[in-house]
Amino acid sequence: MIFLRYQGDVNTAMTQFDNALRHYPKSPRAQFGKAQALNALAERRQSNAILEQAIDECMKVLALDDVPRELFVKAGILCAARQSFRGIICCLELWVMHVFVFYISLIFYDCIIVSL
């Protein structure tokens, strides 16, 4: 599915991500793939309405449980970057910063535990 997005077939990728989400509604990878496809479509069509949908999909990824750290970071960065057109980047940056500080502290904690 990701391959289709990079090949430029955004509509097919969207359909496949929607199908995956119907079967696995809590899949962070499918949710993020849909966000990326919507983001590509928003850029192609220069549509703020589609961009809003992409942001909403990113926010869904951030709200899911058991999101892999790397995917969480990617979704947070994409979400923050795309929200800048709304004029609320400062609020989002603070929220993302708090979340990242929490995750960084977990990573640091994991390193200490592993090294002991």
C-alpha atoms as a PDB file:
ATOM      1  CA  MET A   1       0.000   0.000   0.000  1.00  0.00           C
ATOM      2  CA  ILE A   2       2.785   2.427   0.851  1.00  0.00           C
ATOM      3  CA  PHE A   3       4.358   1.640  -2.531  1.00  0.00           C
ATOM      4  CA  LEU A   4       1.210   2.848  -4.319  1.00  0.00           C
ATOM      5  CA  ARG A   5       1.378   6.190  -2.531  1.00  0.00           C
ATOM      6  CA  TYR A   6       4.966   6.728  -3.595  1.00  0.00           C
ATOM      7  CA  GLN A   7       4.122   5.749  -7.142  1.00  0.00           C
ATOM      8  CA  GLY A   8       1.535   8.520  -7.212  1.00  0.00           C
ATOM      9  CA  ASP A   9      -1.573   6.314  -7.159  1.00  0.00           C
ATOM     10  CA  VAL A  10      -3.037   8.058  -4.136  1.00  0.00           C
ATOM     11  CA  ASN A  11      -6.647   7.077  -4.810  1.00  0.00           C
ATOM     12  CA  THR A  12      -5.854   3.351  -4.901  1.00  0.00           C
ATOM     13  CA  ALA A  13      -3.725   3.705  -1.777  1.00  0.00           C
ATOM     14  CA  MET A  14      -6.606   5.481  -0.007  1.00  0.00           C
ATOM     15  CA  THR A  15      -9.002   2.685  -0.929  1.00  0.00           C
ATOM     16  CA  GLN A  16      -6.608   0.052   0.374  1.00  0.00           C
ATOM     17  CA  PHE A  17      -5.939   1.925   3.629  1.00  0.00           C
ATOM     18  CA  ASP A  18      -9.704   2.327   4.137  1.00  0.00           C
ATOM     19  CA  ASN A  19     -10.150  -1.422   3.579  1.00  0.00           C
ATOM     20  CA  ALA A  20      -7.368  -2.195   6.045  1.00  0.00           C
ATOM     21  CA  LEU A  21      -8.955   0.117   8.624  1.00  0.00           C
ATOM     22  CA  ARG A  22     -12.324  -1.594   8.192  1.00  0.00           C
ATOM     23  CA  HIS A  23     -10.703  -4.894   9.180  1.00  0.00           C
ATOM     24  CA  TYR A  24      -8.193  -3.459  11.678  1.00  0.00           C
ATOM     25  CA  PRO A  25      -9.652  -0.181  12.995  1.00  0.00           C
ATOM     26  CA  LYS A  26      -6.876   0.277  15.552  1.00  0.00           C
ATOM     27  CA  SER A  27      -3.965  -0.270  13.171  1.00  0.00           C
ATOM     28  CA  PRO A  28      -1.576   2.667  13.615  1.00  0.00           C
ATOM     29  CA  ARG A  29       0.254   1.798  10.401  1.00  0.00           C
ATOM     30  CA  ALA A  30      -2.906   1.810   8.295  1.00  0.00           C
ATOM     31  CA  GLN A  31      -4.068   5.021   9.987  1.00  0.00           C
ATOM     32  CA  PHE A  32      -0.731   6.723   9.307  1.00  0.00           C
ATOM     33  CA  GLY A  33      -0.708   5.448   5.731  1.00  0.00           C
ATOM     34  CA  LYS A  34      -4.123   7.004   5.215  1.00  0.00           C
ATOM     35  CA  ALA A  35      -2.842  10.264   6.718  1.00  0.00           C
ATOM     36  CA  GLN A  36       0.118  10.251   4.324  1.00  0.00           C
ATOM     37  CA  ALA A  37      -2.109   9.505   1.337  1.00  0.00           C
ATOM     38  CA  LEU A  38      -4.489  12.320   2.302  1.00  0.00           C
ATOM     39  CA  ASN A  39      -1.532  14.638   2.745  1.00  0.00           C
ATOM     40  CA  ALA A  40      -0.270  13.791  -0.752  1.00  0.00           C
ATOM     41  CA  LEU A  41      -3.761  14.299  -2.166  1.00  0.00           C
ATOM     42  CA  ALA A  42      -4.088  17.661  -0.383  1.00  0.00           C
ATOM     43  CA  GLU A  43      -0.795  18.807  -1.881  1.00  0.00           C
ATOM     44  CA  ARG A  44      -1.780  17.623  -5.344  1.00  0.00           C
ATOM     45  CA  ARG A  45      -5.186  19.330  -5.246  1.00  0.00           C
ATOM     46  CA  GLN A  46      -4.066  22.299  -3.105  1.00  0.00           C
ATOM     47  CA  SER A  47      -7.039  21.579  -0.821  1.00  0.00           C
ATOM     48  CA  ASN A  48      -7.248  22.762   2.771  1.00  0.00           C
ATOM     49  CA  ALA A  49     -10.317  20.562   3.310  1.00  0.00           C
ATOM     50  CA  ILE A  50      -8.344  17.432   2.433  1.00  0.00           C
ATOM     51  CA  LEU A  51      -5.430  18.713   4.499  1.00  0.00           C
ATOM     52  CA  GLU A  52      -7.809  18.936   7.482  1.00  0.00           C
ATOM     53  CA  GLN A  53      -8.678  15.268   6.921  1.00  0.00           C
ATOM     54  CA  ALA A  54      -4.969  14.378   6.849  1.00  0.00           C
ATOM     55  CA  ILE A  55      -4.447  16.218  10.148  1.00  0.00           C
ATOM     56  CA  ASP A  56      -7.409  14.400  11.687  1.00  0.00           C
ATOM     57  CA  GLU A  57      -5.929  11.054  10.620  1.00  0.00           C
ATOM     58  CA  CYS A  58      -2.571  11.997  12.183  1.00  0.00           C
ATOM     59  CA  MET A  59      -4.343  12.911  15.411  1.00  0.00           C
ATOM     60  CA  LYS A  60      -6.029   9.493  15.387  1.00  0.00           C
ATOM     61  CA  VAL A  61      -2.603   7.833  15.198  1.00  0.00           C
ATOM     62  CA  LEU A  62      -1.406   9.886  18.172  1.00  0.00           C
ATOM     63  CA  ALA A  63      -4.484   8.871  20.176  1.00  0.00           C
ATOM     64  CA  LEU A  64      -4.110   5.111  19.576  1.00  0.00           C
ATOM     65  CA  ASP A  65      -2.629   2.726  22.119  1.00  0.00           C
ATOM     66  CA  ASP A  66       0.473   0.684  21.324  1.00  0.00           C
ATOM     67  CA  VAL A  67       1.827   2.889  18.542  1.00  0.00           C
ATOM     68  CA  PRO A  68       5.472   2.068  17.796  1.00  0.00           C
ATOM     69  CA  ARG A  69       7.716   4.925  18.919  1.00  0.00           C
ATOM     70  CA  GLU A  70       9.098   5.691  15.477  1.00  0.00           C
ATOM     71  CA  LEU A  71       5.613   5.805  13.961  1.00  0.00           C
ATOM     72  CA  PHE A  72       4.368   8.010  16.815  1.00  0.00           C
ATOM     73  CA  VAL A  73       7.196  10.459  16.177  1.00  0.00           C
ATOM     74  CA  LYS A  74       6.546  10.492  12.413  1.00  0.00           C
ATOM     75  CA  ALA A  75       2.827  11.112  12.950  1.00  0.00           C
ATOM     76  CA  GLY A  76       3.559  13.892  15.447  1.00  0.00           C
ATOM     77  CA  ILE A  77       5.962  15.617  13.080  1.00  0.00           C
ATOM     78  CA  LEU A  78       3.582  15.354  10.109  1.00  0.00           C
ATOM     79  CA  CYS A  79       0.703  16.606  12.236  1.00  0.00           C
ATOM     80  CA  ALA A  80       2.688  19.577  13.557  1.00  0.00           C
ATOM     81  CA  ALA A  81       3.994  20.511  10.117  1.00  0.00           C
ATOM     82  CA  ARG A  82       0.566  20.393   8.506  1.00  0.00           C
ATOM     83  CA  GLN A  83      -1.209  22.350  11.238  1.00  0.00           C
ATOM     84  CA  SER A  84       0.944  25.408  10.662  1.00  0.00           C
ATOM     85  CA  PHE A  85      -1.540  26.753   8.097  1.00  0.00           C
ATOM     86  CA  ARG A  86      -4.155  26.970  10.864  1.00  0.00           C
ATOM     87  CA  GLY A  87      -2.092  29.470  12.823  1.00  0.00           C
ATOM     88  CA  ILE A  88      -2.064  27.321  15.961  1.00  0.00           C
ATOM     89  CA  ILE A  89       1.386  25.864  15.608  1.00  0.00           C
ATOM     90  CA  CYS A  90       2.551  27.190  18.982  1.00  0.00           C
ATOM     91  CA  CYS A  91      -0.095  25.215  20.887  1.00  0.00           C
ATOM     92  CA  LEU A  92       0.582  22.057  18.928  1.00  0.00           C
ATOM     93  CA  GLU A  93       4.339  22.418  19.277  1.00  0.00           C
ATOM     94  CA  LEU A  94       3.941  22.621  23.057  1.00  0.00           C
ATOM     95  CA  TRP A  95       1.730  19.539  23.076  1.00  0.00           C
ATOM     96  CA  VAL A  96       4.110  17.608  20.841  1.00  0.00           C
ATOM     97  CA  MET A  97       7.067  18.742  22.942  1.00  0.00           C
ATOM     98  CA  HIS A  98       5.431  17.387  26.109  1.00  0.00           C
ATOM     99  CA  VAL A  99       4.656  14.095  24.431  1.00  0.00           C
ATOM    100  CA  PHE A 100       8.204  13.794  23.062  1.00  0.00           C
ATOM    101  CA  VAL A 101       9.702  14.637  26.452  1.00  0.00           C
ATOM    102  CA  PHE A 102       7.607  11.826  27.911  1.00  0.00           C
ATOM    103  CA  TYR A 103       8.783   9.386  25.222  1.00  0.00           C
ATOM    104  CA  ILE A 104      12.388  10.514  25.502  1.00  0.00           C
ATOM    105  CA  SER A 105      12.226   9.935  29.245  1.00  0.00           C
ATOM    106  CA  LEU A 106      10.891   6.429  28.587  1.00  0.00           C
ATOM    107  CA  ILE A 107      13.731   5.744  26.169  1.00  0.00           C
ATOM    108  CA  PHE A 108      16.263   7.074  28.688  1.00  0.00           C
ATOM    109  CA  TYR A 109      14.642   4.984  31.424  1.00  0.00           C
ATOM    110  CA  ASP A 110      14.801   1.890  29.185  1.00  0.00           C
ATOM    111  CA  CYS A 111      18.510   2.518  28.596  1.00  0.00           C
ATOM    112  CA  ILE A 112      19.210   2.773  32.315  1.00  0.00           C
ATOM    113  CA  ILE A 113      17.282  -0.406  33.104  1.00  0.00           C
ATOM    114  CA  VAL A 114      18.985  -2.319  30.286  1.00  0.00           C
ATOM    115  CA  SER A 115      22.447  -1.144  31.310  1.00  0.00           C
ATOM    116  CA  LEU A 116      21.985  -2.146  34.971  1.00  0.00           C
END
